[in-house]
Amino acid sequence: LQGWLLREYVLETGRYAIELYSGRLRLDESPDLPSAPDLVVTEQRAQAPVEPLRILVLGQTNAGKSSLVNALFDLGEAAADGAHALVDALPATGAVTPYRLTRAGLTAALVFDTPGLDGLDVDDEGLNEAIASADLVLWTVAAHRADRAVDRERLDALRHAFSLRPERRPPPVLVPLTHIDRLRPFAEWAPPYDLAHPDGEDAHAAKTRNLLTALAAVAHDLAVPPADVVPVCLAPGRLYNVADTLWSAILARQTDADRARSLRCLASGRRAEDWKLLRRQLGNAGRYLASLPERWLKKD
């Protein structure tokens, strides 16, 4: 009798296992109405705050990433009374550092300051995780430096990584072109510079033409549209083109960034739901299989 029960138990367990893992058998203790805890979870989700937009600041060492982050946080004061970026407020660190940003017209955002790409390994876990979850990328490039091979290599890697993930939308990429005050002529600094009219023989026109040349070179080297390259100056006392041009460019790409965020949240929520469903199904299957011997004895 013991041998017969054991044999029947094994056969019945195998049959139900095949049905369960083939998808033909679905186990649920409450198929019609959600339980009270499920209702509480649904209500909590409805009241949960919106996932913030994730803005990732990338670039090589000394490209001006931390100064750019400071400028973004200091826009209100700069527009009001001419205050400048607090370059020492958010020092560069050896890790990806998030800061919460709230500005009029922009979805609540987290700005991630990063170490220099030229000092990080390609397989850096923290950086790769930040890139994978980015909704908007500010790729900071210094106008007076021509060594952009690392930028192009990492940017191509980012593009390739997102091309392998059809469930995600690639984040829009803006290129703040920093240190434009260091372009020739060095002594010339009299903004604004009208890039649409670079004619003239004076130092101001020469600076404008060199700025245009640097902008075109960066757009070519990184394979981005020239419209995505925004010249800015972040030096103390020379804050330029951040509150107007760069901020307008960020807001103009907010729709695309929101789409990337929505797909990111959808994929993350789907993974969480899959794990929850798997745990519930395994629990139900365990309870059902544990009750089989008692059911068979009742039949007998």
Protein backbone atom coordinates (compact mmCIF):
# COMPACT_ATOMS: atom_id res chain seq x y z
CA LEU A 1 0.00 0.00 0.00
CA GLN A 2 2.85 2.38 0.84
CA GLY A 3 4.59 1.66 -2.47
CA TRP A 4 1.35 2.14 -4.40
CA LEU A 5 0.67 5.51 -2.67
CA LEU A 6 4.20 6.69 -3.34
CA ARG A 7 4.00 5.71 -7.03
CA GLU A 8 0.61 7.44 -7.45
CA TYR A 9 1.87 10.52 -5.63
CA VAL A 10 4.89 10.79 -7.96
CA LEU A 11 2.74 10.30 -11.09
CA GLU A 12 0.13 12.82 -9.94
CA THR A 13 2.79 15.36 -8.96
CA GLY A 14 4.45 15.00 -12.37
CA ARG A 15 1.14 15.42 -14.17
CA TYR A 16 0.24 18.60 -12.26
CA ALA A 17 3.77 19.94 -12.66
CA ILE A 18 3.53 19.54 -16.44
CA GLU A 19 0.14 21.27 -16.46
CA LEU A 20 1.41 24.08 -14.22
CA TYR A 21 4.65 24.89 -16.02
CA SER A 22 3.11 24.53 -19.48
CA GLY A 23 0.70 27.32 -18.57
CA ARG A 24 -2.45 25.22 -18.94
CA LEU A 25 -3.03 25.13 -15.17
CA ARG A 26 -3.41 28.44 -13.34
CA LEU A 27 -3.63 28.41 -9.59
CA ASP A 28 -5.23 31.26 -7.70
CA GLU A 29 -6.97 31.13 -4.36
CA SER A 30 -9.19 34.11 -5.21
CA PRO A 31 -9.78 34.22 -8.97
CA ASP A 32 -12.86 36.40 -8.84
CA LEU A 33 -12.29 39.13 -6.24
CA PRO A 34 -9.03 40.66 -5.00
CA SER A 35 -8.20 40.16 -1.37
CA ALA A 36 -8.11 43.01 1.12
CA PRO A 37 -4.27 43.31 0.97
CA ASP A 38 -4.50 43.55 -2.84
CA LEU A 39 -6.99 46.41 -2.50
CA VAL A 40 -4.66 48.20 -0.09
CA VAL A 41 -1.73 47.80 -2.50
CA THR A 42 -3.86 49.14 -5.39
CA GLU A 43 -4.85 52.17 -3.32
CA GLN A 44 -1.23 52.79 -2.34
CA ARG A 45 -0.16 52.64 -5.99
CA ALA A 46 -2.80 55.19 -6.94
CA GLN A 47 -1.48 57.55 -4.27
CA ALA A 48 2.21 56.89 -4.96
CA PRO A 49 4.27 59.88 -6.15
CA VAL A 50 5.32 60.12 -9.77
CA GLU A 51 8.68 58.52 -10.54
CA PRO A 52 11.14 61.40 -11.02
CA LEU A 53 12.86 62.00 -14.33
CA ARG A 54 16.44 60.75 -14.27
CA ILE A 55 18.94 63.20 -15.78
CA LEU A 56 22.44 61.77 -16.09
CA VAL A 57 25.44 64.10 -16.44
CA LEU A 58 28.34 62.40 -18.23
CA GLY A 59 31.70 63.52 -19.58
CA GLN A 60 35.44 63.32 -19.10
CA THR A 61 37.33 64.59 -16.07
CA ASN A 62 37.41 68.41 -15.85
CA ALA A 63 34.78 68.76 -18.56
CA GLY A 64 32.62 70.77 -16.15
CA LYS A 65 30.07 68.18 -15.00
CA SER A 66 29.83 69.29 -11.36
CA SER A 67 29.83 72.95 -12.40
CA LEU A 68 26.96 72.17 -14.78
CA VAL A 69 25.01 70.47 -11.98
CA ASN A 70 25.57 73.50 -9.76
CA ALA A 71 24.41 75.82 -12.53
CA LEU A 72 21.20 73.85 -13.00
CA PHE A 73 20.45 74.13 -9.29
CA ASP A 74 21.40 77.81 -9.17
CA LEU A 75 19.23 78.96 -12.08
CA GLY A 76 16.67 80.69 -9.89
CA GLU A 77 19.22 82.89 -8.13
CA ALA A 78 21.17 83.50 -11.32
CA ALA A 79 18.07 84.74 -13.13
CA ALA A 80 17.02 86.90 -10.18
CA ASP A 81 20.14 88.77 -9.10
CA GLY A 82 23.05 87.70 -11.27
CA ALA A 83 24.41 85.11 -8.86
CA HIS A 84 26.76 82.56 -10.32
CA ALA A 85 27.14 78.81 -10.08
CA LEU A 86 28.42 77.55 -6.73
CA VAL A 87 31.27 75.48 -8.11
CA ASP A 88 32.22 74.11 -4.66
CA ALA A 89 28.70 73.17 -3.55
CA LEU A 90 28.58 69.76 -5.25
CA PRO A 91 32.16 68.51 -5.50
CA ALA A 92 33.08 65.73 -7.87
CA THR A 93 33.09 62.34 -6.19
CA GLY A 94 34.19 58.81 -7.02
CA ALA A 95 30.63 57.56 -7.31
CA VAL A 96 27.40 58.39 -9.10
CA THR A 97 25.68 60.96 -6.88
CA PRO A 98 21.97 61.89 -7.22
CA TYR A 99 20.48 65.31 -6.45
CA ARG A 100 16.78 66.17 -6.48
CA LEU A 101 15.88 69.01 -8.87
CA THR A 102 12.56 70.86 -8.94
CA ARG A 103 12.08 73.60 -11.52
CA ALA A 104 9.06 75.28 -13.08
CA GLY A 105 7.98 73.50 -16.25
CA LEU A 106 10.06 70.38 -15.55
CA THR A 107 8.87 67.09 -14.13
CA ALA A 108 10.41 66.42 -10.72
CA ALA A 109 13.87 65.12 -11.56
CA LEU A 110 16.93 63.46 -10.11
CA VAL A 111 20.22 64.78 -11.50
CA PHE A 112 23.07 62.25 -11.32
CA ASP A 113 26.58 63.66 -11.18
CA THR A 114 29.22 61.14 -12.30
CA PRO A 115 33.00 60.75 -12.16
CA GLY A 116 35.05 61.32 -15.32
CA LEU A 117 34.54 58.66 -17.97
CA ASP A 118 38.27 58.56 -18.70
CA GLY A 119 38.94 57.39 -15.13
CA LEU A 120 36.31 54.64 -14.99
CA ASP A 121 36.37 51.06 -16.17
CA VAL A 122 33.99 50.14 -18.98
CA ASP A 123 32.40 47.55 -16.69
CA ASP A 124 31.85 49.93 -13.77
CA GLU A 125 28.66 48.61 -12.20
CA GLY A 126 27.42 51.88 -10.71
CA LEU A 127 27.90 53.85 -13.92
CA ASN A 128 26.35 51.21 -16.15
CA GLU A 129 23.33 50.97 -13.86
CA ALA A 130 22.91 54.76 -13.98
CA ILE A 131 23.18 54.76 -17.78
CA ALA A 132 20.65 51.93 -18.10
CA SER A 133 18.11 53.89 -16.05
CA ALA A 134 18.72 57.34 -17.62
CA ASP A 135 15.81 59.26 -19.14
CA LEU A 136 17.86 62.23 -20.35
CA VAL A 137 21.63 62.51 -20.79
CA LEU A 138 23.67 65.72 -20.57
CA TRP A 139 26.97 64.77 -22.22
CA THR A 140 29.42 67.47 -21.11
CA VAL A 141 32.29 68.22 -23.50
CA ALA A 142 35.03 70.85 -23.13
CA ALA A 143 35.29 73.09 -26.19
CA HIS A 144 39.06 73.64 -25.85
CA ARG A 145 39.93 69.91 -25.78
CA ALA A 146 40.18 67.73 -28.88
CA ASP A 147 40.54 64.35 -27.11
CA ARG A 148 36.99 63.10 -27.62
CA ALA A 149 37.71 59.45 -28.45
CA VAL A 150 36.59 58.33 -24.98
CA ASP A 151 33.35 60.31 -25.32
CA ARG A 152 32.56 58.78 -28.70
CA GLU A 153 33.42 55.26 -27.51
CA ARG A 154 31.18 55.51 -24.44
CA LEU A 155 28.38 57.22 -26.35
CA ASP A 156 28.43 54.49 -29.00
CA ALA A 157 28.32 51.90 -26.21
CA LEU A 158 25.25 53.63 -24.76
CA ARG A 159 23.55 53.62 -28.15
CA HIS A 160 24.38 49.96 -28.69
CA ALA A 161 23.12 48.98 -25.24
CA PHE A 162 19.74 50.58 -25.84
CA SER A 163 19.51 49.10 -29.34
CA LEU A 164 19.57 45.67 -27.68
CA ARG A 165 16.63 46.59 -25.45
CA PRO A 166 13.56 47.10 -27.66
CA GLU A 167 11.37 47.46 -24.57
CA ARG A 168 13.21 50.67 -23.67
CA ARG A 169 13.38 54.02 -25.42
CA PRO A 170 16.86 55.56 -25.79
CA PRO A 171 17.18 58.73 -23.68
CA PRO A 172 17.61 62.00 -25.59
CA VAL A 173 21.20 63.27 -25.48
CA LEU A 174 22.11 66.94 -25.13
CA VAL A 175 25.75 68.05 -25.35
CA PRO A 176 26.58 71.11 -23.22
CA LEU A 177 29.74 72.53 -24.81
CA THR A 178 31.66 73.99 -21.86
CA HIS A 179 34.77 76.19 -21.46
CA ILE A 180 33.87 78.29 -24.50
CA ASP A 181 35.59 81.25 -22.85
CA ARG A 182 38.92 79.45 -23.41
CA LEU A 183 38.58 79.51 -27.17
CA ARG A 184 40.68 81.95 -29.15
CA PRO A 185 41.03 84.90 -28.82
CA PHE A 186 41.62 84.13 -25.14
CA ALA A 187 41.19 87.70 -23.91
CA GLU A 188 37.88 88.17 -25.72
CA TRP A 189 34.80 87.59 -23.58
CA ALA A 190 31.83 89.79 -24.40
CA PRO A 191 28.70 87.64 -24.68
CA PRO A 192 26.22 87.15 -26.19
CA TYR A 193 27.67 85.55 -29.31
CA ASP A 194 25.33 85.44 -32.28
CA LEU A 195 26.17 82.18 -34.04
CA ALA A 196 23.86 83.04 -36.93
CA HIS A 197 25.93 86.15 -37.81
CA PRO A 198 29.64 85.45 -37.30
CA ASP A 199 30.74 88.12 -39.81
CA GLY A 200 33.25 90.78 -38.90
CA GLU A 201 36.96 91.35 -38.38
CA ASP A 202 37.06 92.18 -34.70
CA ALA A 203 37.90 89.83 -31.81
CA HIS A 204 34.22 89.30 -31.01
CA ALA A 205 33.52 87.96 -34.51
CA ALA A 206 36.66 85.80 -34.37
CA LYS A 207 35.48 84.29 -31.08
CA THR A 208 32.07 83.61 -32.61
CA ARG A 209 33.61 81.82 -35.61
CA ASN A 210 35.85 79.69 -33.38
CA LEU A 211 32.82 78.82 -31.28
CA LEU A 212 30.98 77.71 -34.41
CA THR A 213 33.98 75.62 -35.47
CA ALA A 214 34.18 73.92 -32.07
CA LEU A 215 30.43 73.24 -32.10
CA ALA A 216 30.59 71.63 -35.56
CA ALA A 217 33.64 69.55 -34.57
CA VAL A 218 31.94 68.19 -31.45
CA ALA A 219 28.75 67.39 -33.37
CA HIS A 220 30.83 65.49 -35.95
CA ASP A 221 33.03 63.68 -33.42
CA LEU A 222 30.07 62.48 -31.32
CA ALA A 223 27.72 61.91 -34.27
CA VAL A 224 24.98 64.14 -32.87
CA PRO A 225 22.94 66.85 -34.62
CA PRO A 226 24.45 70.34 -34.24
CA ALA A 227 21.14 71.45 -32.69
CA ASP A 228 21.86 69.09 -29.77
CA VAL A 229 25.14 70.87 -28.95
CA VAL A 230 24.60 73.87 -26.65
CA PRO A 231 27.58 76.17 -25.97
CA VAL A 232 27.74 77.29 -22.33
CA CYS A 233 30.19 78.90 -19.95
CA LEU A 234 30.25 77.76 -16.32
CA ALA A 235 33.27 79.69 -15.04
CA PRO A 236 32.75 81.83 -11.90
CA GLY A 237 31.67 85.30 -12.97
CA ARG A 238 31.04 84.14 -16.56
CA LEU A 239 27.91 82.00 -16.34
CA TYR A 240 26.44 82.12 -19.84
CA ASN A 241 23.74 80.42 -21.91
CA VAL A 242 22.52 78.08 -19.15
CA ALA A 243 19.34 79.75 -17.89
CA ASP A 244 18.06 80.45 -21.39
CA THR A 245 19.41 78.25 -24.20
CA LEU A 246 20.38 75.09 -22.29
CA TRP A 247 17.32 75.13 -20.05
CA SER A 248 15.06 75.67 -23.09
CA ALA A 249 16.73 72.73 -24.83
CA ILE A 250 16.11 70.52 -21.76
CA LEU A 251 12.45 71.51 -21.63
CA ALA A 252 12.09 70.94 -25.39
CA ARG A 253 13.22 67.34 -24.92
CA GLN A 254 11.12 66.67 -21.84
CA THR A 255 8.44 64.87 -23.87
CA ASP A 256 10.97 62.36 -25.23
CA ALA A 257 12.51 62.01 -21.76
CA ASP A 258 9.06 61.37 -20.26
CA ARG A 259 8.48 58.62 -22.82
CA ALA A 260 11.80 57.02 -21.90
CA ARG A 261 10.84 57.26 -18.22
CA SER A 262 7.41 55.69 -18.85
CA LEU A 263 8.91 52.70 -20.64
CA ARG A 264 11.57 52.35 -17.93
CA CYS A 265 8.90 52.32 -15.22
CA LEU A 266 6.76 49.93 -17.25
CA ALA A 267 9.63 47.47 -17.64
CA SER A 268 10.54 47.76 -13.96
CA GLY A 269 6.91 47.29 -12.90
CA ARG A 270 6.53 44.30 -15.18
CA ARG A 271 9.57 42.63 -13.63
CA ALA A 272 8.22 43.28 -10.13
CA GLU A 273 4.81 41.89 -11.10
CA ASP A 274 6.41 38.83 -12.69
CA TRP A 275 8.32 38.05 -9.50
CA LYS A 276 5.22 38.61 -7.40
CA LEU A 277 3.14 36.34 -9.65
CA LEU A 278 5.87 33.69 -9.63
CA ARG A 279 6.05 33.72 -5.83
CA ARG A 280 2.27 33.47 -5.55
CA GLN A 281 2.05 30.63 -8.08
CA LEU A 282 4.85 28.69 -6.42
CA GLY A 283 3.21 29.14 -3.03
CA ASN A 284 -0.15 27.99 -4.36
CA ALA A 285 1.46 25.05 -6.14
CA GLY A 286 3.28 24.01 -2.97
CA ARG A 287 0.12 24.13 -0.91
CA TYR A 288 -1.81 22.20 -3.55
CA LEU A 289 0.81 19.50 -3.91
CA ALA A 290 1.10 19.17 -0.15
CA SER A 291 -2.64 18.54 0.06
CA LEU A 292 -2.66 15.77 -2.59
CA PRO A 293 -1.97 12.80 -0.24
CA GLU A 294 -4.84 13.88 2.02
CA ARG A 295 -7.17 14.19 -0.99
CA TRP A 296 -6.23 10.76 -2.32
CA LEU A 297 -6.76 9.16 1.09
CA LYS A 298 -10.21 10.76 1.28
CA LYS A 299 -11.03 9.32 -2.19
CA ASP A 300 -9.91 5.88 -1.10
